[in-house]
Structure formats: C-alpha cells, structure tokens
Protein backbone atom coordinates (compact mmCIF):
# COMPACT_ATOMS: atom_id res chain seq x y z
CA MET A 1 12.06 138.34 133.61
CA LEU A 2 8.58 139.17 134.76
CA SER A 3 7.28 138.92 131.20
CA ARG A 4 8.71 135.42 130.80
CA THR A 5 6.99 134.28 133.96
CA ALA A 6 3.69 135.74 132.79
CA VAL A 7 3.98 133.87 129.47
CA ALA A 8 4.72 130.61 131.29
CA VAL A 9 1.71 131.07 133.59
CA ALA A 10 -0.51 131.89 130.60
CA ARG A 11 0.62 128.72 128.80
CA ARG A 12 -0.16 126.56 131.82
CA ALA A 13 -3.51 128.24 132.33
CA THR A 14 -4.66 127.65 128.71
CA ALA A 15 -3.37 124.07 128.56
CA ALA A 16 -4.83 122.92 131.88
CA PRO A 17 -8.57 123.08 130.99
CA VAL A 18 -8.01 121.30 127.67
CA LEU A 19 -6.05 118.55 129.39
CA ARG A 20 -8.66 118.03 132.10
CA ARG A 21 -11.52 117.88 129.61
CA SER A 22 -9.90 115.30 127.29
CA ILE A 23 -9.05 112.97 130.17
CA ALA A 24 -12.55 113.29 131.61
CA THR A 25 -14.22 112.40 128.29
CA THR A 26 -11.85 109.49 127.75
CA VAL A 27 -12.76 108.03 131.13
CA VAL A 28 -16.45 108.47 130.43
CA ARG A 29 -16.14 106.76 127.05
CA ARG A 30 -14.13 103.87 128.43
CA HIS A 31 -16.75 103.04 131.04
CA ALA A 32 -19.76 103.52 128.76
CA GLU A 33 -21.74 100.38 128.07
CA THR A 34 -21.62 99.13 124.51
CA LYS A 35 -24.52 97.16 123.14
CA VAL A 36 -23.61 94.35 120.81
CA PRO A 37 -26.07 93.91 117.94
CA THR A 38 -27.99 90.67 118.19
CA ALA A 39 -29.19 90.43 114.57
CA HIS A 40 -28.79 86.95 113.13
CA ILE A 41 -26.46 86.86 110.13
CA LYS A 42 -27.43 84.06 107.77
CA GLY A 43 -24.75 81.62 106.69
CA LEU A 44 -24.08 80.59 103.10
CA SER A 45 -26.18 77.45 103.45
CA GLU A 46 -29.18 79.53 104.59
CA ILE A 47 -29.26 81.69 101.44
CA LYS A 48 -32.26 80.52 99.37
CA THR A 49 -33.69 83.62 97.65
CA LYS A 50 -32.51 87.03 96.45
CA GLU A 51 -34.04 88.63 99.55
CA ASP A 52 -31.65 86.61 101.72
CA LEU A 53 -28.77 88.55 100.16
CA PHE A 54 -29.68 91.73 102.06
CA GLY A 55 -27.75 92.31 105.28
CA PRO A 56 -29.41 93.22 108.58
CA GLY A 57 -27.74 96.64 108.64
CA ALA A 58 -26.14 98.31 111.62
CA VAL A 59 -27.69 99.16 114.97
CA ASP A 60 -28.61 102.85 115.24
CA GLY A 61 -25.59 104.93 116.19
CA THR A 62 -22.97 102.40 115.05
CA VAL A 63 -20.90 101.98 111.93
CA PRO A 64 -21.87 98.82 109.98
CA THR A 65 -19.34 96.12 109.23
CA ASP A 66 -18.95 94.63 105.75
CA VAL A 67 -21.06 91.64 106.74
CA GLU A 68 -23.85 93.88 108.03
CA GLN A 69 -24.06 96.22 105.04
CA ALA A 70 -23.03 94.10 102.03
CA THR A 71 -25.78 93.06 99.61
CA GLY A 72 -26.11 90.93 96.51
CA LEU A 73 -23.09 89.21 95.02
CA GLU A 74 -20.70 90.98 97.39
CA ARG A 75 -22.60 89.51 100.35
CA LEU A 76 -22.59 86.07 98.75
CA GLU A 77 -18.82 86.29 98.29
CA ILE A 78 -18.20 87.46 101.88
CA LEU A 79 -20.38 84.70 103.35
CA GLY A 80 -18.59 82.15 101.16
CA LYS A 81 -15.16 83.35 102.30
CA MET A 82 -16.28 83.15 105.94
CA GLU A 83 -17.08 79.47 105.39
CA GLY A 84 -14.02 78.76 103.24
CA VAL A 85 -15.92 78.44 99.94
CA ASP A 86 -14.60 80.10 96.77
CA VAL A 87 -17.97 81.18 95.37
CA PHE A 88 -16.62 82.57 92.09
CA ASP A 89 -14.00 79.84 91.46
CA MET A 90 -11.11 82.30 91.19
CA LYS A 91 -8.28 79.77 91.05
CA PRO A 92 -6.07 80.04 87.95
CA LEU A 93 -6.55 77.78 84.95
CA ASP A 94 -4.37 74.71 84.42
CA ALA A 95 -1.16 76.00 82.82
CA SER A 96 0.86 72.81 83.32
CA ARG A 97 0.00 71.42 79.89
CA ARG A 98 -0.97 72.47 76.38
CA GLY A 99 -4.68 72.29 75.63
CA THR A 100 -5.54 70.26 72.52
CA MET A 101 -8.79 69.59 70.69
CA GLU A 102 -8.86 66.10 72.24
CA ASN A 103 -7.96 67.34 75.74
CA PRO A 104 -8.80 71.08 76.05
CA ILE A 105 -8.19 73.22 79.13
CA SER A 106 -11.50 73.39 80.97
CA VAL A 107 -13.00 76.79 81.86
CA ARG A 108 -16.09 76.74 84.10
CA SER A 109 -18.79 79.34 83.56
CA ALA A 110 -22.14 80.09 85.14
CA GLY A 111 -23.04 82.58 82.42
CA ASP A 112 -23.66 82.48 78.70
CA GLU A 113 -20.22 83.93 77.96
CA GLN A 114 -16.78 83.52 79.54
CA TYR A 115 -13.45 85.23 78.92
CA ALA A 116 -10.14 83.43 79.39
CA GLY A 117 -6.69 85.00 79.16
CA CYS A 118 -4.06 82.83 77.47
CA THR A 119 -0.41 83.54 78.31
CA GLY A 120 0.91 80.65 76.25
CA PHE A 121 2.59 77.35 76.88
CA PRO A 122 4.94 77.25 78.70
CA ALA A 123 3.31 79.89 80.91
CA ASP A 124 4.14 83.52 80.13
CA SER A 125 5.58 82.73 76.71
CA HIS A 126 3.51 85.52 75.13
CA ASN A 127 1.40 88.49 76.18
CA VAL A 128 -2.14 87.87 77.38
CA ILE A 129 -4.59 87.16 74.59
CA TRP A 130 -8.22 87.26 75.68
CA LEU A 131 -10.47 84.58 74.23
CA THR A 132 -14.26 84.65 74.33
CA MET A 133 -16.21 81.42 74.72
CA THR A 134 -20.00 81.23 74.55
CA ARG A 135 -22.55 78.48 75.07
CA GLU A 136 -23.07 78.36 71.30
CA ARG A 137 -19.30 78.32 70.62
CA PRO A 138 -17.68 76.74 73.69
CA ILE A 139 -14.25 75.92 72.19
CA GLU A 140 -11.64 78.57 71.41
CA ARG A 141 -8.05 78.27 70.25
CA CYS A 142 -5.33 80.82 71.01
CA PRO A 143 -4.05 82.30 67.74
CA GLU A 144 -0.55 82.76 69.20
CA CYS A 145 0.34 79.40 70.78
CA GLY A 146 -2.52 77.09 69.75
CA ASN A 147 -3.78 76.30 73.27
CA VAL A 148 -7.38 75.08 73.17
CA TYR A 149 -9.90 76.14 75.84
CA LYS A 150 -13.37 74.73 76.37
CA MET A 151 -16.15 76.38 78.36
CA ASN A 152 -18.10 74.03 80.63
CA TYR A 153 -21.43 75.60 81.53
CA VAL A 154 -22.27 75.02 85.20
CA GLY A 155 -25.11 77.54 85.55
CA PRO A 156 -28.82 76.91 85.91
CA GLU A 157 -30.59 74.88 83.27
CA ASP A 158 -32.48 76.79 80.61
CA SER A 159 -36.06 77.57 81.48
CA HIS A 160 -38.34 76.62 78.63
CA ASP A 161 -41.08 78.89 79.97
CA HIS A 162 -39.70 81.96 78.22
CA HIS A 163 -39.39 81.95 74.47
CA HIS A 164 -36.73 84.37 73.31
CA ASP A 165 -35.24 84.57 69.90
CA ASP A 166 -31.48 83.96 69.67
CA HIS A 167 -30.69 87.61 69.02
CA HIS A 168 -32.60 89.31 71.83
CA HIS A 169 -29.45 91.20 72.87
CA GLY A 170 -28.64 92.25 69.33
CA PHE A 171 -25.45 90.15 69.33
CA GLU A 172 -24.44 88.71 65.99
CA GLU A 173 -21.67 86.14 65.65
CA PRO A 174 -18.67 87.84 63.99
CA LYS A 175 -17.98 86.99 60.37
CA THR A 176 -14.93 84.95 59.52
CA PHE A 177 -13.21 84.36 56.20
CA ALA A 178 -15.05 81.03 55.89
CA ASP A 179 -18.35 82.95 55.65
CA PHE A 180 -17.19 84.59 52.42
CA VAL A 181 -15.84 81.53 50.61
CA LYS A 182 -18.02 80.45 47.70
CA PRO A 183 -19.77 77.08 48.24
CA GLN A 184 -18.15 75.57 45.13
CA TYR A 185 -14.69 75.92 46.76
CA TRP A 186 -15.68 73.67 49.67
C-alpha cells in the first residue's frame, strides 16, 4: 500500500510544475499587446503597373496573410475577388444553344491563343473535346457535335513598335488534308 501512495505522490509532483507553467504562459500570451500592421493594401482600381502587384509583406515576427504575400496574377485575382470582380472571367460558356457559323458561341481571350472544352449539345452529350482558337484562326468547330466557337480577343492592342516575324515562337499551323490537294482539283 505504501508503494501505491508513493506512485500517486510522484505523479502529482511531476504533473504540477508542467500544469503551472502552461497556465502561466497562456495568461502572459493572452495579455500581450498585439500590433496590427498599418501597411496600406492597394485596391484593384489602384493597380497601374507591374510593381503594384507586389504585396507589402508581413510585419516582422508575424505570419503573412494571402493578401500581404501574394504577388503577380495571384494578387490581381485576390484583389479582384475582394471587390467582387471576376478578373479571369471564369464563368462557363453558353451551353443553352448550338453554336453555328452565323451565331457562334463567343469565347473571350486576352491572349493570342485560347482553349475551349466542348461537351456537346445538349450539354454533356459527349466527352470533352478541347478546341484551340488563335487570333489568326479564331473560329473552331467541334468534330463531334458541330458546335462552332469564336474567340473574341479582348487583350491589349498590338504594339507596332516591335517588328516580329509571324513564327518567332517556332509555331507552324498544322497541315490539313486541304493542304495536300492538287490545285487542279479545286
């Protein structure tokens, strides 16, 4: 019986200092003053140059938030979402109708090339077929269902200051059967 009492006393003795220390540090942390960073975070309307897409960073000794540490396109997207603007226009394409050559389904693009996934008409009538539209070839037709998509370029206007040849990226338009048909058969 004496050995059981000694074990119980030893347990209380080892647990007591740990318990006192954790409560003491919790109280100290709760009453510590926290400094709120006062760095100005620019809104979406204040972004004018690439340098504006760098966040202010975190105050020393703190963990940065997404708004404080994000840079580039990620920062632009976060600032847009904070103001309710869908910067990258991520809403789905119009699938309520079939695209025709006279009335194609419009796909907006800020780049020279845009991919669109066709699932058919009515929606989900076939597996996704990815179509590539470019500024040189803005209209594409789905080989499965015949839906027609047209890329509308909404990016910056071409700068005529730089003179590049058309193949500066080494891209060559893929050959089609029409490229191999003899001229006399046209």
